[in-house]
């Protein structure tokens, strides 16, 4: 036999409102963030006799870059090996920010749909 369902003490909007507040608090834990792509490049030089022209294993580098779009144009910023971890961490924070925004949007849409149904049923009464 199956057990009867227990009534939950909180309503659907209340549960989602609690989740919404929890996700909002996660925003306060964010650190500096940046949008873009981090690159590690191995380059060929312009010398005809250099080994880098013929052997990919002997290319120069690594050179590090941060690439992002600003006003429709691609911007490339050269980075040193020392600052690359800072930008890598900032890139992770940006992905976390996007994830949090997506979660908030989903929760908001769910609550708004539920509130709309309640408003429609109240109008019918």
PDB file of N, CA and C in Angstrom:
ATOM      1  N   UNK A   1       0.823  -1.180   0.000  1.00  0.00           N
ATOM      2  CA  UNK A   1       0.000   0.000   0.000  1.00  0.00           C
ATOM      3  C   UNK A   1       0.873   1.251   0.000  1.00  0.00           C
ATOM      4  N   UNK A   2       0.392   2.224  -0.700  1.00  0.00           N
ATOM      5  CA  UNK A   2       1.142   3.474  -0.700  1.00  0.00           C
ATOM      6  C   UNK A   2       0.671   4.348   0.451  1.00  0.00           C
ATOM      7  N   UNK A   3       1.611   5.118   0.952  1.00  0.00           N
ATOM      8  CA  UNK A   3       1.284   6.011   2.062  1.00  0.00           C
ATOM      9  C   UNK A   3       0.608   7.261   1.522  1.00  0.00           C
ATOM     10  N   UNK A   4      -0.343   7.813   2.265  1.00  0.00           N
ATOM     11  CA  UNK A   4      -0.983   9.046   1.802  1.00  0.00           C
ATOM     12  C   UNK A   4       0.021  10.193   1.786  1.00  0.00           C
ATOM     13  N   UNK A   5      -0.145  11.072   0.825  1.00  0.00           N
ATOM     14  CA  UNK A   5       0.732  12.238   0.717  1.00  0.00           C
ATOM     15  C   UNK A   5       0.508  13.168   1.893  1.00  0.00           C
ATOM     16  N   UNK A   6       1.601  13.652   2.425  1.00  0.00           N
ATOM     17  CA  UNK A   6       1.486  14.609   3.510  1.00  0.00           C
ATOM     18  C   UNK A   6       1.274  15.993   2.906  1.00  0.00           C
ATOM     19  N   UNK A   7       0.419  16.750   3.519  1.00  0.00           N
ATOM     20  CA  UNK A   7       0.207  18.107   3.051  1.00  0.00           C
ATOM     21  C   UNK A   7       1.436  18.942   3.388  1.00  0.00           C
ATOM     22  N   UNK A   8       1.832  19.731   2.423  1.00  0.00           N
ATOM     23  CA  UNK A   8       2.999  20.567   2.646  1.00  0.00           C
ATOM     24  C   UNK A   8       2.554  21.877   3.275  1.00  0.00           C
ATOM     25  N   UNK A   9       3.366  22.378   4.194  1.00  0.00           N
ATOM     26  CA  UNK A   9       2.976  23.572   4.950  1.00  0.00           C
ATOM     27  C   UNK A   9       3.165  24.852   4.140  1.00  0.00           C
ATOM     28  N   UNK A  10       3.975  24.814   3.082  1.00  0.00           N
ATOM     29  CA  UNK A  10       4.190  26.024   2.298  1.00  0.00           C
ATOM     30  C   UNK A  10       3.553  25.864   0.932  1.00  0.00           C
ATOM     31  N   UNK A  11       3.059  26.962   0.393  1.00  0.00           N
ATOM     32  CA  UNK A  11       2.431  26.934  -0.922  1.00  0.00           C
ATOM     33  C   UNK A  11       3.513  26.949  -2.003  1.00  0.00           C
ATOM     34  N   UNK A  12       3.090  26.690  -3.222  1.00  0.00           N
ATOM     35  CA  UNK A  12       4.024  26.677  -4.351  1.00  0.00           C
ATOM     36  C   UNK A  12       4.750  28.015  -4.478  1.00  0.00           C
ATOM     37  N   UNK A  13       4.025  29.152  -4.486  1.00  0.00           N
ATOM     38  CA  UNK A  13       4.753  30.425  -4.602  1.00  0.00           C
ATOM     39  C   UNK A  13       5.727  30.663  -3.455  1.00  0.00           C
ATOM     40  N   UNK A  14       5.353  30.235  -2.243  1.00  0.00           N
ATOM     41  CA  UNK A  14       6.250  30.428  -1.103  1.00  0.00           C
ATOM     42  C   UNK A  14       7.537  29.622  -1.267  1.00  0.00           C
ATOM     43  N   UNK A  15       7.389  28.393  -1.728  1.00  0.00           N
ATOM     44  CA  UNK A  15       8.594  27.555  -1.933  1.00  0.00           C
ATOM     45  C   UNK A  15       9.509  28.185  -2.969  1.00  0.00           C
ATOM     46  N   UNK A  16       8.920  28.653  -4.081  1.00  0.00           N
ATOM     47  CA  UNK A  16       9.741  29.271  -5.117  1.00  0.00           C
ATOM     48  C   UNK A  16      10.323  30.596  -4.647  1.00  0.00           C
ATOM     49  N   UNK A  17       9.573  31.331  -3.845  1.00  0.00           N
ATOM     50  CA  UNK A  17      10.091  32.592  -3.293  1.00  0.00           C
ATOM     51  C   UNK A  17      11.296  32.320  -2.391  1.00  0.00           C
ATOM     52  N   UNK A  18      11.241  31.235  -1.625  1.00  0.00           N
ATOM     53  CA  UNK A  18      12.375  30.867  -0.772  1.00  0.00           C
ATOM     54  C   UNK A  18      13.589  30.502  -1.621  1.00  0.00           C
ATOM     55  N   UNK A  19      13.360  29.730  -2.677  1.00  0.00           N
ATOM     56  CA  UNK A  19      14.475  29.378  -3.578  1.00  0.00           C
ATOM     57  C   UNK A  19      15.052  30.617  -4.230  1.00  0.00           C
ATOM     58  N   UNK A  20      14.165  31.524  -4.645  1.00  0.00           N
ATOM     59  CA  UNK A  20      14.588  32.769  -5.276  1.00  0.00           C
ATOM     60  C   UNK A  20      15.503  33.551  -4.335  1.00  0.00           C
ATOM     61  N   UNK A  21      15.122  33.671  -3.071  1.00  0.00           N
ATOM     62  CA  UNK A  21      15.933  34.395  -2.086  1.00  0.00           C
ATOM     63  C   UNK A  21      17.283  33.712  -1.869  1.00  0.00           C
ATOM     64  N   UNK A  22      17.281  32.385  -1.872  1.00  0.00           N
ATOM     65  CA  UNK A  22      18.531  31.638  -1.707  1.00  0.00           C
ATOM     66  C   UNK A  22      19.486  31.924  -2.864  1.00  0.00           C
ATOM     67  N   UNK A  23      18.970  31.907  -4.080  1.00  0.00           N
ATOM     68  CA  UNK A  23      19.814  32.176  -5.255  1.00  0.00           C
ATOM     69  C   UNK A  23      20.292  33.628  -5.224  1.00  0.00           C
ATOM     70  N   UNK A  24      19.436  34.555  -4.818  1.00  0.00           N
ATOM     71  CA  UNK A  24      19.856  35.956  -4.720  1.00  0.00           C
ATOM     72  C   UNK A  24      21.029  36.113  -3.758  1.00  0.00           C
ATOM     73  N   UNK A  25      21.001  35.366  -2.656  1.00  0.00           N
ATOM     74  CA  UNK A  25      22.109  35.440  -1.686  1.00  0.00           C
ATOM     75  C   UNK A  25      23.418  34.947  -2.304  1.00  0.00           C
ATOM     76  N   UNK A  26      23.325  34.007  -3.242  1.00  0.00           N
ATOM     77  CA  UNK A  26      24.543  33.500  -3.895  1.00  0.00           C
ATOM     78  C   UNK A  26      25.237  34.590  -4.701  1.00  0.00           C
ATOM     79  N   UNK A  27      24.493  35.589  -5.162  1.00  0.00           N
ATOM     80  CA  UNK A  27      25.112  36.707  -5.888  1.00  0.00           C
ATOM     81  C   UNK A  27      26.119  37.437  -5.004  1.00  0.00           C
ATOM     82  N   UNK A  28      25.853  37.518  -3.724  1.00  0.00           N
ATOM     83  CA  UNK A  28      26.749  38.222  -2.814  1.00  0.00           C
ATOM     84  C   UNK A  28      28.085  37.508  -2.659  1.00  0.00           C
ATOM     85  N   UNK A  29      28.143  36.254  -3.035  1.00  0.00           N
ATOM     86  CA  UNK A  29      29.381  35.492  -2.910  1.00  0.00           C
ATOM     87  C   UNK A  29      30.250  35.590  -4.166  1.00  0.00           C
ATOM     88  N   UNK A  30      29.735  36.233  -5.208  1.00  0.00           N
ATOM     89  CA  UNK A  30      30.510  36.366  -6.439  1.00  0.00           C
ATOM     90  C   UNK A  30      31.723  37.265  -6.233  1.00  0.00           C
ATOM     91  N   UNK A  31      32.784  36.920  -6.924  1.00  0.00           N
ATOM     92  CA  UNK A  31      33.998  37.737  -6.934  1.00  0.00           C
ATOM     93  C   UNK A  31      34.027  38.478  -8.269  1.00  0.00           C
ATOM     94  N   UNK A  32      35.137  39.137  -8.564  1.00  0.00           N
ATOM     95  CA  UNK A  32      35.279  39.813  -9.851  1.00  0.00           C
ATOM     96  C   UNK A  32      35.070  38.814 -10.973  1.00  0.00           C
ATOM     97  N   UNK A  33      34.438  39.272 -12.051  1.00  0.00           N
ATOM     98  CA  UNK A  33      34.171  38.371 -13.164  1.00  0.00           C
ATOM     99  C   UNK A  33      34.454  39.080 -14.485  1.00  0.00           C
ATOM    100  N   UNK A  34      34.688  38.291 -15.515  1.00  0.00           N
ATOM    101  CA  UNK A  34      34.888  38.850 -16.850  1.00  0.00           C
ATOM    102  C   UNK A  34      34.342  37.881 -17.890  1.00  0.00           C
ATOM    103  N   UNK A  35      33.810  38.473 -18.916  1.00  0.00           N
ATOM    104  CA  UNK A  35      33.263  37.738 -20.044  1.00  0.00           C
ATOM    105  C   UNK A  35      34.368  37.624 -21.079  1.00  0.00           C
ATOM    106  N   UNK A  36      34.403  36.539 -21.789  1.00  0.00           N
ATOM    107  CA  UNK A  36      35.382  36.402 -22.855  1.00  0.00           C
ATOM    108  C   UNK A  36      36.009  35.029 -22.880  1.00  0.00           C
ATOM    109  N   UNK A  37      37.028  34.916 -23.714  1.00  0.00           N
ATOM    110  CA  UNK A  37      37.719  33.657 -23.904  1.00  0.00           C
ATOM    111  C   UNK A  37      39.184  33.830 -23.535  1.00  0.00           C
ATOM    112  N   UNK A  38      39.725  32.845 -22.858  1.00  0.00           N
ATOM    113  CA  UNK A  38      41.146  32.850 -22.520  1.00  0.00           C
ATOM    114  C   UNK A  38      41.861  31.897 -23.449  1.00  0.00           C
ATOM    115  N   UNK A  39      42.952  32.370 -24.008  1.00  0.00           N
ATOM    116  CA  UNK A  39      43.691  31.573 -24.988  1.00  0.00           C
ATOM    117  C   UNK A  39      45.134  31.375 -24.563  1.00  0.00           C
ATOM    118  N   UNK A  40      45.653  30.206 -24.896  1.00  0.00           N
ATOM    119  CA  UNK A  40      47.077  29.911 -24.737  1.00  0.00           C
ATOM    120  C   UNK A  40      47.560  29.584 -26.145  1.00  0.00           C
ATOM    121  N   UNK A  41      48.441  30.404 -26.686  1.00  0.00           N
ATOM    122  CA  UNK A  41      48.860  30.257 -28.083  1.00  0.00           C
ATOM    123  C   UNK A  41      50.338  29.925 -28.204  1.00  0.00           C
ATOM    124  N   UNK A  42      50.604  29.109 -29.193  1.00  0.00           N
ATOM    125  CA  UNK A  42      51.975  28.816 -29.596  1.00  0.00           C
ATOM    126  C   UNK A  42      52.105  29.387 -31.008  1.00  0.00           C
ATOM    127  N   UNK A  43      53.094  30.248 -31.235  1.00  0.00           N
ATOM    128  CA  UNK A  43      53.144  31.023 -32.465  1.00  0.00           C
ATOM    129  C   UNK A  43      54.356  30.685 -33.334  1.00  0.00           C
ATOM    130  N   UNK A  44      54.178  30.912 -34.633  1.00  0.00           N
ATOM    131  CA  UNK A  44      55.285  30.877 -35.591  1.00  0.00           C
ATOM    132  C   UNK A  44      55.844  32.291 -35.679  1.00  0.00           C
ATOM    133  N   UNK A  45      57.143  32.379 -35.835  1.00  0.00           N
ATOM    134  CA  UNK A  45      57.733  33.704 -36.030  1.00  0.00           C
ATOM    135  C   UNK A  45      57.900  33.949 -37.536  1.00  0.00           C
ATOM    136  N   UNK A  46      58.445  35.066 -37.902  1.00  0.00           N
ATOM    137  CA  UNK A  46      58.582  35.408 -39.317  1.00  0.00           C
ATOM    138  C   UNK A  46      59.900  34.987 -39.941  1.00  0.00           C
ATOM    139  N   UNK A  47      60.760  34.351 -39.187  1.00  0.00           N
ATOM    140  CA  UNK A  47      62.068  33.967 -39.732  1.00  0.00           C
ATOM    141  C   UNK A  47      61.941  32.695 -40.560  1.00  0.00           C
ATOM    142  N   UNK A  48      62.439  32.740 -41.765  1.00  0.00           N
ATOM    143  CA  UNK A  48      62.301  31.602 -42.684  1.00  0.00           C
ATOM    144  C   UNK A  48      63.051  30.363 -42.202  1.00  0.00           C
ATOM    145  N   UNK A  49      64.177  30.547 -41.549  1.00  0.00           N
ATOM    146  CA  UNK A  49      64.996  29.407 -41.129  1.00  0.00           C
ATOM    147  C   UNK A  49      64.667  28.887 -39.726  1.00  0.00           C
ATOM    148  N   UNK A  50      63.736  29.505 -39.042  1.00  0.00           N
ATOM    149  CA  UNK A  50      63.404  29.100 -37.669  1.00  0.00           C
ATOM    150  C   UNK A  50      62.678  27.753 -37.687  1.00  0.00           C
ATOM    151  N   UNK A  51      62.990  26.921 -36.715  1.00  0.00           N
ATOM    152  CA  UNK A  51      62.384  25.587 -36.616  1.00  0.00           C
ATOM    153  C   UNK A  51      60.869  25.650 -36.407  1.00  0.00           C
ATOM    154  N   UNK A  52      60.369  26.760 -35.895  1.00  0.00           N
ATOM    155  CA  UNK A  52      58.931  26.880 -35.630  1.00  0.00           C
ATOM    156  C   UNK A  52      58.108  26.828 -36.918  1.00  0.00           C
ATOM    157  N   UNK A  53      58.702  27.144 -38.037  1.00  0.00           N
ATOM    158  CA  UNK A  53      57.977  27.142 -39.314  1.00  0.00           C
ATOM    159  C   UNK A  53      57.616  25.730 -39.752  1.00  0.00           C
ATOM    160  N   UNK A  54      58.432  24.757 -39.352  1.00  0.00           N
ATOM    161  CA  UNK A  54      58.244  23.389 -39.856  1.00  0.00           C
ATOM    162  C   UNK A  54      57.810  22.396 -38.783  1.00  0.00           C
ATOM    163  N   UNK A  55      58.080  22.710 -37.535  1.00  0.00           N
ATOM    164  CA  UNK A  55      57.777  21.771 -36.448  1.00  0.00           C
ATOM    165  C   UNK A  55      56.866  22.429 -35.411  1.00  0.00           C
ATOM    166  N   UNK A  56      55.583  22.021 -35.368  1.00  0.00           N
ATOM    167  CA  UNK A  56      54.659  22.625 -34.401  1.00  0.00           C
ATOM    168  C   UNK A  56      55.123  22.499 -32.949  1.00  0.00           C
ATOM    169  N   UNK A  57      55.897  21.476 -32.635  1.00  0.00           N
ATOM    170  CA  UNK A  57      56.387  21.297 -31.261  1.00  0.00           C
ATOM    171  C   UNK A  57      57.426  22.356 -30.891  1.00  0.00           C
ATOM    172  N   UNK A  58      57.990  23.035 -31.876  1.00  0.00           N
ATOM    173  CA  UNK A  58      59.031  24.040 -31.615  1.00  0.00           C
ATOM    174  C   UNK A  58      58.532  25.470 -31.788  1.00  0.00           C
ATOM    175  N   UNK A  59      57.233  25.646 -31.762  1.00  0.00           N
ATOM    176  CA  UNK A  59      56.677  26.993 -31.876  1.00  0.00           C
ATOM    177  C   UNK A  59      57.001  27.797 -30.621  1.00  0.00           C
ATOM    178  N   UNK A  60      56.952  29.105 -30.751  1.00  0.00           N
ATOM    179  CA  UNK A  60      57.282  30.021 -29.660  1.00  0.00           C
ATOM    180  C   UNK A  60      56.071  30.204 -28.735  1.00  0.00           C
ATOM    181  N   UNK A  61      56.364  30.325 -27.459  1.00  0.00           N
ATOM    182  CA  UNK A  61      55.279  30.556 -26.522  1.00  0.00           C
ATOM    183  C   UNK A  61      55.417  29.657 -25.324  1.00  0.00           C
ATOM    184  N   UNK A  62      54.420  29.532 -24.531  1.00  0.00           N
ATOM    185  CA  UNK A  62      53.040  29.975 -24.775  1.00  0.00           C
ATOM    186  C   UNK A  62      52.844  31.465 -24.515  1.00  0.00           C
ATOM    187  N   UNK A  63      51.934  32.037 -25.300  1.00  0.00           N
ATOM    188  CA  UNK A  63      51.484  33.409 -25.121  1.00  0.00           C
ATOM    189  C   UNK A  63      50.024  33.340 -24.697  1.00  0.00           C
ATOM    190  N   UNK A  64      49.670  34.174 -23.745  1.00  0.00           N
ATOM    191  CA  UNK A  64      48.320  34.138 -23.194  1.00  0.00           C
ATOM    192  C   UNK A  64      47.545  35.382 -23.609  1.00  0.00           C
ATOM    193  N   UNK A  65      46.259  35.171 -23.931  1.00  0.00           N
ATOM    194  CA  UNK A  65      45.395  36.275 -24.354  1.00  0.00           C
ATOM    195  C   UNK A  65      44.015  36.130 -23.751  1.00  0.00           C
ATOM    196  N   UNK A  66      43.400  37.276 -23.538  1.00  0.00           N
ATOM    197  CA  UNK A  66      41.996  37.347 -23.156  1.00  0.00           C
ATOM    198  C   UNK A  66      41.296  38.046 -24.313  1.00  0.00           C
ATOM    199  N   UNK A  67      40.291  37.408 -24.881  1.00  0.00           N
ATOM    200  CA  UNK A  67      39.568  37.938 -26.023  1.00  0.00           C
ATOM    201  C   UNK A  67      38.115  38.130 -25.645  1.00  0.00           C
ATOM    202  N   UNK A  68      37.566  39.297 -25.979  1.00  0.00           N
ATOM    203  CA  UNK A  68      36.152  39.570 -25.706  1.00  0.00           C
ATOM    204  C   UNK A  68      35.627  40.562 -26.739  1.00  0.00           C
ATOM    205  N   UNK A  69      34.305  40.719 -26.777  1.00  0.00           N
ATOM    206  CA  UNK A  69      33.658  41.656 -27.695  1.00  0.00           C
ATOM    207  C   UNK A  69      33.286  42.927 -26.948  1.00  0.00           C
ATOM    208  N   UNK A  70      33.556  44.070 -27.569  1.00  0.00           N
ATOM    209  CA  UNK A  70      33.157  45.368 -27.027  1.00  0.00           C
ATOM    210  C   UNK A  70      32.669  46.221 -28.197  1.00  0.00           C
ATOM    211  N   UNK A  71      31.428  46.665 -28.113  1.00  0.00           N
ATOM    212  CA  UNK A  71      30.819  47.484 -29.165  1.00  0.00           C
ATOM    213  C   UNK A  71      30.929  46.814 -30.529  1.00  0.00           C
ATOM    214  N   UNK A  72      30.716  45.510 -30.556  1.00  0.00           N
ATOM    215  CA  UNK A  72      30.721  44.769 -31.811  1.00  0.00           C
ATOM    216  C   UNK A  72      32.100  44.428 -32.362  1.00  0.00           C
ATOM    217  N   UNK A  73      33.137  44.789 -31.666  1.00  0.00           N
ATOM    218  CA  UNK A  73      34.501  44.506 -32.132  1.00  0.00           C
ATOM    219  C   UNK A  73      35.198  43.567 -31.171  1.00  0.00           C
ATOM    220  N   UNK A  74      36.056  42.720 -31.707  1.00  0.00           N
ATOM    221  CA  UNK A  74      36.830  41.801 -30.884  1.00  0.00           C
ATOM    222  C   UNK A  74      38.032  42.536 -30.312  1.00  0.00           C
ATOM    223  N   UNK A  75      38.227  42.381 -29.019  1.00  0.00           N
ATOM    224  CA  UNK A  75      39.357  43.001 -28.324  1.00  0.00           C
ATOM    225  C   UNK A  75      40.252  41.877 -27.814  1.00  0.00           C
ATOM    226  N   UNK A  76      41.541  41.972 -28.086  1.00  0.00           N
ATOM    227  CA  UNK A  76      42.521  41.003 -27.607  1.00  0.00           C
ATOM    228  C   UNK A  76      43.449  41.698 -26.619  1.00  0.00           C
ATOM    229  N   UNK A  77      43.587  41.104 -25.454  1.00  0.00           N
ATOM    230  CA  UNK A  77      44.467  41.656 -24.418  1.00  0.00           C
ATOM    231  C   UNK A  77      45.521  40.607 -24.095  1.00  0.00           C
ATOM    232  N   UNK A  78      46.767  40.976 -24.257  1.00  0.00           N
ATOM    233  CA  UNK A  78      47.852  40.055 -23.924  1.00  0.00           C
ATOM    234  C   UNK A  78      47.988  39.978 -22.406  1.00  0.00           C
ATOM    235  N   UNK A  79      48.180  38.766 -21.911  1.00  0.00           N
ATOM    236  CA  UNK A  79      48.312  38.534 -20.472  1.00  0.00           C
ATOM    237  C   UNK A  79      49.639  37.861 -20.189  1.00  0.00           C
ATOM    238  N   UNK A  80      50.163  38.106 -19.011  1.00  0.00           N
ATOM    239  CA  UNK A  80      51.370  37.393 -18.602  1.00  0.00           C
ATOM    240  C   UNK A  80      50.953  36.078 -17.949  1.00  0.00           C
ATOM    241  N   UNK A  81      51.886  35.202 -17.826  1.00  0.00           N
ATOM    242  CA  UNK A  81      51.638  33.908 -17.179  1.00  0.00           C
ATOM    243  C   UNK A  81      51.148  34.110 -15.739  1.00  0.00           C
ATOM    244  N   UNK A  82      51.638  35.170 -15.084  1.00  0.00           N
ATOM    245  CA  UNK A  82      51.276  35.426 -13.686  1.00  0.00           C
ATOM    246  C   UNK A  82      49.815  35.851 -13.507  1.00  0.00           C
ATOM    247  N   UNK A  83      49.269  36.614 -14.461  1.00  0.00           N
ATOM    248  CA  UNK A  83      47.892  37.095 -14.304  1.00  0.00           C
ATOM    249  C   UNK A  83      46.860  36.167 -14.931  1.00  0.00           C
ATOM    250  N   UNK A  84      47.308  35.198 -15.696  1.00  0.00           N
ATOM    251  CA  UNK A  84      46.372  34.265 -16.334  1.00  0.00           C
ATOM    252  C   UNK A  84      45.445  33.587 -15.313  1.00  0.00           C
ATOM    253  N   UNK A  85      45.938  33.123 -14.147  1.00  0.00           N
ATOM    254  CA  UNK A  85      45.029  32.511 -13.160  1.00  0.00           C
ATOM    255  C   UNK A  85      43.946  33.468 -12.655  1.00  0.00           C
ATOM    256  N   UNK A  86      44.262  34.759 -12.544  1.00  0.00           N
ATOM    257  CA  UNK A  86      43.251  35.738 -12.130  1.00  0.00           C
ATOM    258  C   UNK A  86      42.110  35.791 -13.139  1.00  0.00           C
ATOM    259  N   UNK A  87      42.450  35.835 -14.405  1.00  0.00           N
ATOM    260  CA  UNK A  87      41.438  35.899 -15.452  1.00  0.00           C
ATOM    261  C   UNK A  87      40.692  34.576 -15.593  1.00  0.00           C
ATOM    262  N   UNK A  88      41.373  33.480 -15.353  1.00  0.00           N
ATOM    263  CA  UNK A  88      40.698  32.170 -15.399  1.00  0.00           C
ATOM    264  C   UNK A  88      39.635  32.105 -14.294  1.00  0.00           C
ATOM    265  N   UNK A  89      39.992  32.570 -13.095  1.00  0.00           N
ATOM    266  CA  UNK A  89      39.038  32.590 -11.990  1.00  0.00           C
ATOM    267  C   UNK A  89      37.885  33.543 -12.292  1.00  0.00           C
ATOM    268  N   UNK A  90      38.181  34.690 -12.879  1.00  0.00           N
ATOM    269  CA  UNK A  90      37.143  35.662 -13.230  1.00  0.00           C
ATOM    270  C   UNK A  90      36.215  35.092 -14.297  1.00  0.00           C
ATOM    271  N   UNK A  91      36.757  34.321 -15.204  1.00  0.00           N
ATOM    272  CA  UNK A  91      35.940  33.682 -16.236  1.00  0.00           C
ATOM    273  C   UNK A  91      34.993  32.657 -15.614  1.00  0.00           C
ATOM    274  N   UNK A  92      35.476  31.907 -14.631  1.00  0.00           N
ATOM    275  CA  UNK A  92      34.619  30.950 -13.905  1.00  0.00           C
ATOM    276  C   UNK A  92      33.504  31.687 -13.167  1.00  0.00           C
ATOM    277  N   UNK A  93      33.844  32.828 -12.572  1.00  0.00           N
ATOM    278  CA  UNK A  93      32.840  33.620 -11.866  1.00  0.00           C
ATOM    279  C   UNK A  93      31.768  34.128 -12.837  1.00  0.00           C
ATOM    280  N   UNK A  94      32.175  34.480 -14.057  1.00  0.00           N
ATOM    281  CA  UNK A  94      31.203  34.933 -15.051  1.00  0.00           C
ATOM    282  C   UNK A  94      30.233  33.797 -15.411  1.00  0.00           C
ATOM    283  N   UNK A  95      30.756  32.589 -15.574  1.00  0.00           N
ATOM    284  CA  UNK A  95      29.879  31.440 -15.859  1.00  0.00           C
ATOM    285  C   UNK A  95      28.927  31.191 -14.696  1.00  0.00           C
ATOM    286  N   UNK A  96      29.416  31.367 -13.476  1.00  0.00           N
ATOM    287  CA  UNK A  96      28.556  31.210 -12.300  1.00  0.00           C
ATOM    288  C   UNK A  96      27.470  32.277 -12.299  1.00  0.00           C
ATOM    289  N   UNK A  97      27.833  33.514 -12.632  1.00  0.00           N
ATOM    290  CA  UNK A  97      26.868  34.602 -12.717  1.00  0.00           C
ATOM    291  C   UNK A  97      25.774  34.269 -13.724  1.00  0.00           C
ATOM    292  N   UNK A  98      26.159  33.795 -14.895  1.00  0.00           N
ATOM    293  CA  UNK A  98      25.170  33.433 -15.925  1.00  0.00           C
ATOM    294  C   UNK A  98      24.255  32.316 -15.433  1.00  0.00           C
ATOM    295  N   UNK A  99      24.817  31.342 -14.751  1.00  0.00           N
ATOM    296  CA  UNK A  99      24.024  30.240 -14.211  1.00  0.00           C
ATOM    297  C   UNK A  99      23.018  30.747 -13.185  1.00  0.00           C
ATOM    298  N   UNK A 100      23.467  31.627 -12.293  1.00  0.00           N
ATOM    299  CA  UNK A 100      22.567  32.192 -11.288  1.00  0.00           C
ATOM    300  C   UNK A 100      21.434  32.980 -11.942  1.00  0.00           C
ATOM    301  N   UNK A 101      21.770  33.771 -12.955  1.00  0.00           N
ATOM    302  CA  UNK A 101      20.741  34.536 -13.661  1.00  0.00           C
ATOM    303  C   UNK A 101      19.716  33.616 -14.318  1.00  0.00           C
ATOM    304  N   UNK A 102      20.188  32.542 -14.923  1.00  0.00           N
ATOM    305  CA  UNK A 102      19.274  31.584 -15.554  1.00  0.00           C
ATOM    306  C   UNK A 102      18.356  30.941 -14.520  1.00  0.00           C
ATOM    307  N   UNK A 103      18.916  30.592 -13.360  1.00  0.00           N
ATOM    308  CA  UNK A 103      18.094  29.994 -12.301  1.00  0.00           C
ATOM    309  C   UNK A 103      17.050  30.980 -11.792  1.00  0.00           C
ATOM    310  N   UNK A 104      17.455  32.246 -11.604  1.00  0.00           N
ATOM    311  CA  UNK A 104      16.506  33.263 -11.159  1.00  0.00           C
ATOM    312  C   UNK A 104      15.395  33.474 -12.187  1.00  0.00           C
ATOM    313  N   UNK A 105      15.772  33.473 -13.449  1.00  0.00           N
ATOM    314  CA  UNK A 105      14.771  33.664 -14.497  1.00  0.00           C
ATOM    315  C   UNK A 105      13.761  32.519 -14.499  1.00  0.00           C
ATOM    316  N   UNK A 106      14.237  31.293 -14.381  1.00  0.00           N
ATOM    317  CA  UNK A 106      13.356  30.131 -14.351  1.00  0.00           C
ATOM    318  C   UNK A 106      12.412  30.195 -13.153  1.00  0.00           C
ATOM    319  N   UNK A 107      12.949  30.503 -11.986  1.00  0.00           N
ATOM    320  CA  UNK A 107      12.118  30.629 -10.784  1.00  0.00           C
ATOM    321  C   UNK A 107      11.089  31.747 -10.948  1.00  0.00           C
ATOM    322  N   UNK A 108      11.524  32.878 -11.492  1.00  0.00           N
ATOM    323  CA  UNK A 108      10.617  34.008 -11.688  1.00  0.00           C
ATOM    324  C   UNK A 108       9.473  33.641 -12.624  1.00  0.00           C
ATOM    325  N   UNK A 109       9.798  32.993 -13.719  1.00  0.00           N
ATOM    326  CA  UNK A 109       8.760  32.605 -14.680  1.00  0.00           C
ATOM    327  C   UNK A 109       7.764  31.642 -14.047  1.00  0.00           C
ATOM    328  N   UNK A 110       8.253  30.715 -13.255  1.00  0.00           N
ATOM    329  CA  UNK A 110       7.373  29.747 -12.600  1.00  0.00           C
ATOM    330  C   UNK A 110       6.409  30.456 -11.648  1.00  0.00           C
ATOM    331  N   UNK A 111       6.936  31.357 -10.826  1.00  0.00           N
ATOM    332  CA  UNK A 111       6.089  32.082  -9.878  1.00  0.00           C
ATOM    333  C   UNK A 111       5.098  32.977 -10.622  1.00  0.00           C
ATOM    334  N   UNK A 112       5.574  33.660 -11.666  1.00  0.00           N
ATOM    335  CA  UNK A 112       4.677  34.542 -12.419  1.00  0.00           C
ATOM    336  C   UNK A 112       3.543  33.756 -13.083  1.00  0.00           C
ATOM    337  N   UNK A 113       3.859  32.589 -13.630  1.00  0.00           N
ATOM    338  CA  UNK A 113       2.800  31.757 -14.228  1.00  0.00           C
ATOM    339  C   UNK A 113       1.790  31.339 -13.171  1.00  0.00           C
ATOM    340  N   UNK A 114       2.290  30.949 -12.001  1.00  0.00           N
ATOM    341  CA  UNK A 114       1.401  30.528 -10.914  1.00  0.00           C
ATOM    342  C   UNK A 114       0.533  31.710 -10.450  1.00  0.00           C
ATOM    343  N   UNK A 115       1.141  32.885 -10.313  1.00  0.00           N
ATOM    344  CA  UNK A 115       0.388  34.063  -9.900  1.00  0.00           C
ATOM    345  C   UNK A 115      -0.669  34.446 -10.941  1.00  0.00           C
ATOM    346  N   UNK A 116      -0.321  34.285 -12.217  1.00  0.00           N
ATOM    347  CA  UNK A 116      -1.284  34.579 -13.278  1.00  0.00           C
ATOM    348  C   UNK A 116      -2.477  33.646 -13.201  1.00  0.00           C
ATOM    349  N   UNK A 117      -2.237  32.352 -12.932  1.00  0.00           N
ATOM    350  CA  UNK A 117      -3.338  31.394 -12.784  1.00  0.00           C
ATOM    351  C   UNK A 117      -4.232  31.763 -11.605  1.00  0.00           C
ATOM    352  N   UNK A 118      -3.596  32.157 -10.488  1.00  0.00           N
ATOM    353  CA  UNK A 118      -4.378  32.564  -9.312  1.00  0.00           C
ATOM    354  C   UNK A 118      -5.222  33.791  -9.620  1.00  0.00           C
ATOM    355  N   UNK A 119      -4.648  34.753 -10.341  1.00  0.00           N
ATOM    356  CA  UNK A 119      -5.381  35.980 -10.684  1.00  0.00           C
ATOM    357  C   UNK A 119      -6.550  35.653 -11.608  1.00  0.00           C
ATOM    358  N   UNK A 120      -6.339  34.746 -12.550  1.00  0.00           N
ATOM    359  CA  UNK A 120      -7.423  34.369 -13.470  1.00  0.00           C
ATOM    360  C   UNK A 120      -8.537  33.654 -12.723  1.00  0.00           C
ATOM    361  N   UNK A 121      -8.188  32.768 -11.803  1.00  0.00           N
ATOM    362  CA  UNK A 121      -9.223  32.056 -11.052  1.00  0.00           C
ATOM    363  C   UNK A 121      -9.962  33.002 -10.108  1.00  0.00           C
ATOM    364  N   UNK A 122      -9.279  34.034  -9.589  1.00  0.00           N
ATOM    365  CA  UNK A 122      -9.936  35.007  -8.720  1.00  0.00           C
ATOM    366  C   UNK A 122     -10.904  35.875  -9.541  1.00  0.00           C
ATOM    367  N   UNK A 123     -10.547  36.150 -10.799  1.00  0.00           N
ATOM    368  CA  UNK A 123     -11.426  36.939 -11.668  1.00  0.00           C
ATOM    369  C   UNK A 123     -12.707  36.184 -11.990  1.00  0.00           C
ATOM    370  N   UNK A 124     -12.623  34.875 -12.076  1.00  0.00           N
ATOM    371  CA  UNK A 124     -13.790  34.041 -12.396  1.00  0.00           C
ATOM    372  C   UNK A 124     -14.770  33.969 -11.236  1.00  0.00           C
ATOM    373  N   UNK A 125     -14.262  34.126 -10.028  1.00  0.00           N
ATOM    374  CA  UNK A 125     -15.128  34.009  -8.831  1.00  0.00           C
ATOM    375  C   UNK A 125     -15.998  35.190  -8.625  1.00  0.00           C
TER     376      UNK A 125
END
